C-alpha atoms as a PDB file:
ATOM      1  CA  MET A   1     -64.466  92.034-163.602  1.00  0.00           C
ATOM      2  CA  ILE A   2     -66.548  92.316-160.452  1.00  0.00           C
ATOM      3  CA  GLU A   3     -66.051  88.284-160.525  1.00  0.00           C
ATOM      4  CA  GLU A   4     -62.651  88.740-160.239  1.00  0.00           C
ATOM      5  CA  LYS A   5     -62.263  91.052-158.239  1.00  0.00           C
ATOM      6  CA  GLN A   6     -64.995  89.201-155.574  1.00  0.00           C
ATOM      7  CA  ARG A   7     -62.529  86.086-156.368  1.00  0.00           C
ATOM      8  CA  ILE A   8     -59.259  87.522-155.446  1.00  0.00           C
ATOM      9  CA  VAL A   9     -60.790  89.264-151.890  1.00  0.00           C
ATOM     10  CA  LYS A  10     -62.086  85.909-151.397  1.00  0.00           C
ATOM     11  CA  GLU A  11     -58.775  84.215-152.000  1.00  0.00           C
ATOM     12  CA  THR A  12     -57.014  87.045-149.646  1.00  0.00           C
ATOM     13  CA  TYR A  13     -58.855  85.471-146.901  1.00  0.00           C
ATOM     14  CA  THR A  14     -58.020  81.866-147.384  1.00  0.00           C
ATOM     15  CA  ARG A  15     -55.641  80.347-143.975  1.00  0.00           C
ATOM     16  CA  GLY A  16     -52.194  82.049-144.514  1.00  0.00           C
ATOM     17  CA  ALA A  17     -52.771  84.062-147.483  1.00  0.00           C
ATOM     18  CA  SER A  18     -51.152  86.588-147.985  1.00  0.00           C
ATOM     19  CA  VAL A  19     -52.549  90.132-149.588  1.00  0.00           C
ATOM     20  CA  ALA A  20     -49.428  91.314-151.042  1.00  0.00           C
ATOM     21  CA  GLU A  21     -48.946  87.841-152.881  1.00  0.00           C
ATOM     22  CA  VAL A  22     -52.401  87.088-153.942  1.00  0.00           C
ATOM     23  CA  ALA A  23     -52.572  90.441-155.622  1.00  0.00           C
ATOM     24  CA  ARG A  24     -48.551  90.278-156.901  1.00  0.00           C
ATOM     25  CA  ARG A  25     -50.455  86.613-158.123  1.00  0.00           C
ATOM     26  CA  TYR A  26     -52.850  88.171-160.731  1.00  0.00           C
ATOM     27  CA  GLU A  27     -50.666  91.198-161.272  1.00  0.00           C
ATOM     28  CA  PHE A  28     -52.171  93.959-158.721  1.00  0.00           C
ATOM     29  CA  ASN A  29     -51.168  95.977-156.495  1.00  0.00           C
ATOM     30  CA  ALA A  30     -51.710  94.972-152.855  1.00  0.00           C
ATOM     31  CA  ASN A  31     -53.435  98.931-151.925  1.00  0.00           C
ATOM     32  CA  GLN A  32     -55.165  98.269-154.613  1.00  0.00           C
ATOM     33  CA  VAL A  33     -56.708  94.556-153.153  1.00  0.00           C
ATOM     34  CA  PHE A  34     -56.981  96.288-148.974  1.00  0.00           C
ATOM     35  CA  ALA A  35     -59.580  98.938-150.997  1.00  0.00           C
ATOM     36  CA  TRP A  36     -61.308  95.370-152.465  1.00  0.00           C
ATOM     37  CA  ARG A  37     -61.572  94.432-148.996  1.00  0.00           C
ATOM     38  CA  ARG A  38     -62.581  97.217-147.492  1.00  0.00           C
ATOM     39  CA  LEU A  39     -65.736  97.566-150.528  1.00  0.00           C
ATOM     40  CA  TYR A  40     -66.819  93.954-149.725  1.00  0.00           C
ATOM     41  CA  TRP A  41     -66.428  94.042-146.081  1.00  0.00           C
ATOM     42  CA  GLN A  42     -68.880  97.550-146.461  1.00  0.00           C
ATOM     43  CA  GLY A  43     -71.281  95.128-148.926  1.00  0.00           C
ATOM     44  CA  LEU A  44     -70.266  97.060-151.457  1.00  0.00           C
ATOM     45  CA  LEU A  45     -67.953  95.560-154.318  1.00  0.00           C
ATOM     46  CA  LYS A  46     -71.299  94.336-156.373  1.00  0.00           C
ATOM     47  CA  GLU A  47     -71.928  94.202-159.756  1.00  0.00           C
ATOM     48  CA  ASN A  48     -73.944  97.365-160.276  1.00  0.00           C
ATOM     49  CA  SER A  49     -71.436  99.410-157.583  1.00  0.00           C
ATOM     50  CA  GLU A  50     -69.392 100.591-160.468  1.00  0.00           C
ATOM     51  CA  GLY A  51     -71.644 102.035-162.154  1.00  0.00           C
ATOM     52  CA  PRO A  52     -72.681 102.492-165.765  1.00  0.00           C
ATOM     53  CA  ILE A  53     -69.905 102.735-168.250  1.00  0.00           C
ATOM     54  CA  PRO A  54     -69.241 105.892-169.909  1.00  0.00           C
ATOM     55  CA  SER A  55     -69.555 106.279-173.745  1.00  0.00           C
ATOM     56  CA  MET A  56     -66.701 107.436-175.572  1.00  0.00           C
ATOM     57  CA  LEU A  57     -68.360 110.945-177.747  1.00  0.00           C
ATOM     58  CA  PRO A  58     -66.510 111.675-181.722  1.00  0.00           C
ATOM     59  CA  VAL A  59     -65.302 115.242-181.108  1.00  0.00           C
ATOM     60  CA  LYS A  60     -64.606 117.511-183.824  1.00  0.00           C
ATOM     61  CA  VAL A  61     -61.708 120.090-183.466  1.00  0.00           C
ATOM     62  CA  SER A  62     -62.533 122.965-185.341  1.00  0.00           C
ATOM     63  CA  THR A  63     -60.116 125.506-183.758  1.00  0.00           C
ATOM     64  CA  PRO A  64     -56.083 124.881-183.430  1.00  0.00           C
ATOM     65  CA  THR A  65     -55.056 123.648-181.106  1.00  0.00           C
ATOM     66  CA  VAL A  66     -51.943 124.694-181.323  1.00  0.00           C
ATOM     67  CA  LEU A  67     -51.303 128.228-181.391  1.00  0.00           C
ATOM     68  CA  GLN A  68     -48.551 130.553-183.190  1.00  0.00           C
ATOM     69  CA  SER A  69     -45.117 130.514-181.111  1.00  0.00           C
ATOM     70  CA  GLU A  70     -42.362 133.167-181.576  1.00  0.00           C
ATOM     71  CA  THR A  71     -38.776 131.823-183.376  1.00  0.00           C
ATOM     72  CA  ALA A  72     -35.766 133.041-182.182  1.00  0.00           C
ATOM     73  CA  ALA A  73     -35.431 135.137-185.806  1.00  0.00           C
ATOM     74  CA  ASP A  74     -38.536 136.806-184.304  1.00  0.00           C
ATOM     75  CA  ARG A  75     -37.780 137.893-180.578  1.00  0.00           C
ATOM     76  CA  VAL A  76     -35.818 141.527-180.458  1.00  0.00           C
ATOM     77  CA  GLU A  77     -33.055 141.060-178.104  1.00  0.00           C
ATOM     78  CA  PRO A  78     -31.361 144.210-176.411  1.00  0.00           C
ATOM     79  CA  LYS A  79     -28.768 143.702-178.894  1.00  0.00           C
ATOM     80  CA  SER A  80     -30.565 144.513-182.196  1.00  0.00           C
ATOM     81  CA  ARG A  81     -32.780 147.201-180.674  1.00  0.00           C
ATOM     82  CA  PRO A  82     -33.295 150.322-182.915  1.00  0.00           C
ATOM     83  CA  THR A  83     -31.126 153.371-182.379  1.00  0.00           C
ATOM     84  CA  SER A  84     -32.158 156.647-182.727  1.00  0.00           C
ATOM     85  CA  LEU A  85     -31.179 156.737-186.318  1.00  0.00           C
ATOM     86  CA  GLU A  86     -32.647 153.613-187.004  1.00  0.00           C
ATOM     87  CA  SER A  87     -37.160 153.119-186.932  1.00  0.00           C
ATOM     88  CA  ALA A  88     -39.105 150.355-186.314  1.00  0.00           C
ATOM     89  CA  ILE A  89     -42.585 149.665-185.592  1.00  0.00           C
ATOM     90  CA  GLU A  90     -44.916 146.485-184.043  1.00  0.00           C
ATOM     91  CA  ILE A  91     -47.817 145.849-183.938  1.00  0.00           C
ATOM     92  CA  ASP A  92     -49.985 143.562-182.750  1.00  0.00           C
ATOM     93  CA  LEU A  93     -52.792 142.377-183.191  1.00  0.00           C
ATOM     94  CA  PRO A  94     -55.701 140.520-181.522  1.00  0.00           C
ATOM     95  CA  ASN A  95     -56.409 137.899-183.739  1.00  0.00           C
ATOM     96  CA  GLY A  96     -52.578 136.923-183.277  1.00  0.00           C
ATOM     97  CA  TYR A  97     -50.580 138.294-186.115  1.00  0.00           C
ATOM     98  CA  GLY A  98     -48.586 140.418-185.773  1.00  0.00           C
ATOM     99  CA  VAL A  99     -46.031 142.768-187.904  1.00  0.00           C
ATOM    100  CA  ARG A 100     -43.125 143.996-186.816  1.00  0.00           C
ATOM    101  CA  VAL A 101     -40.662 146.061-189.178  1.00  0.00           C
ATOM    102  CA  ARG A 102     -37.464 147.547-189.154  1.00  0.00           C
ATOM    103  CA  GLY A 103     -35.682 149.569-190.743  1.00  0.00           C
ATOM    104  CA  ARG A 104     -37.653 152.276-193.577  1.00  0.00           C
ATOM    105  CA  LEU A 105     -40.972 152.480-193.498  1.00  0.00           C
ATOM    106  CA  ASP A 106     -43.501 152.071-197.286  1.00  0.00           C
ATOM    107  CA  ALA A 107     -45.981 153.612-195.294  1.00  0.00           C
ATOM    108  CA  LYS A 108     -48.011 152.063-198.994  1.00  0.00           C
ATOM    109  CA  MET A 109     -46.625 148.653-198.332  1.00  0.00           C
ATOM    110  CA  LEU A 110     -47.670 148.225-194.188  1.00  0.00           C
ATOM    111  CA  SER A 111     -51.402 149.234-194.615  1.00  0.00           C
ATOM    112  CA  GLN A 112     -51.469 146.232-197.461  1.00  0.00           C
ATOM    113  CA  VAL A 113     -50.062 143.776-195.074  1.00  0.00           C
ATOM    114  CA  ILE A 114     -51.890 145.843-192.301  1.00  0.00           C
ATOM    115  CA  ASP A 115     -55.304 144.786-194.174  1.00  0.00           C
ATOM    116  CA  VAL A 116     -53.900 141.231-194.980  1.00  0.00           C
ATOM    117  CA  LEU A 117     -53.407 140.744-191.670  1.00  0.00           C
ATOM    118  CA  VAL A 118     -57.087 141.949-190.052  1.00  0.00           C
ATOM    119  CA  ARG A 119     -58.984 139.648-192.490  1.00  0.00           C
ATOM    120  CA  ARG A 120     -57.465 136.013-191.061  1.00  0.00           C
END
């Protein structure tokens, strides 16, 4: 690749050459070719100037990358907030799970649900 860059830069120095035309011919942006010319002038457009090619490392995702999101059915809209005659409870657990109960509460069932969610 360095040799190609050097060849393109040298071509821009030929009599009557336009950097924009040379860049277009090789399908590069003219700004990129101007940057290569600066490096060439400074003596930095050399084989070892790009450094080593980075290697790819294997990756294993061990936790979900997408978090649970609230659905429209889960949202409590102002209209559906409990009135003084209704009861409601919301519990958000540190592990991201939660429970929302409206209406009559059954303590035994609620306790079982919370036990299951805490274990997750």
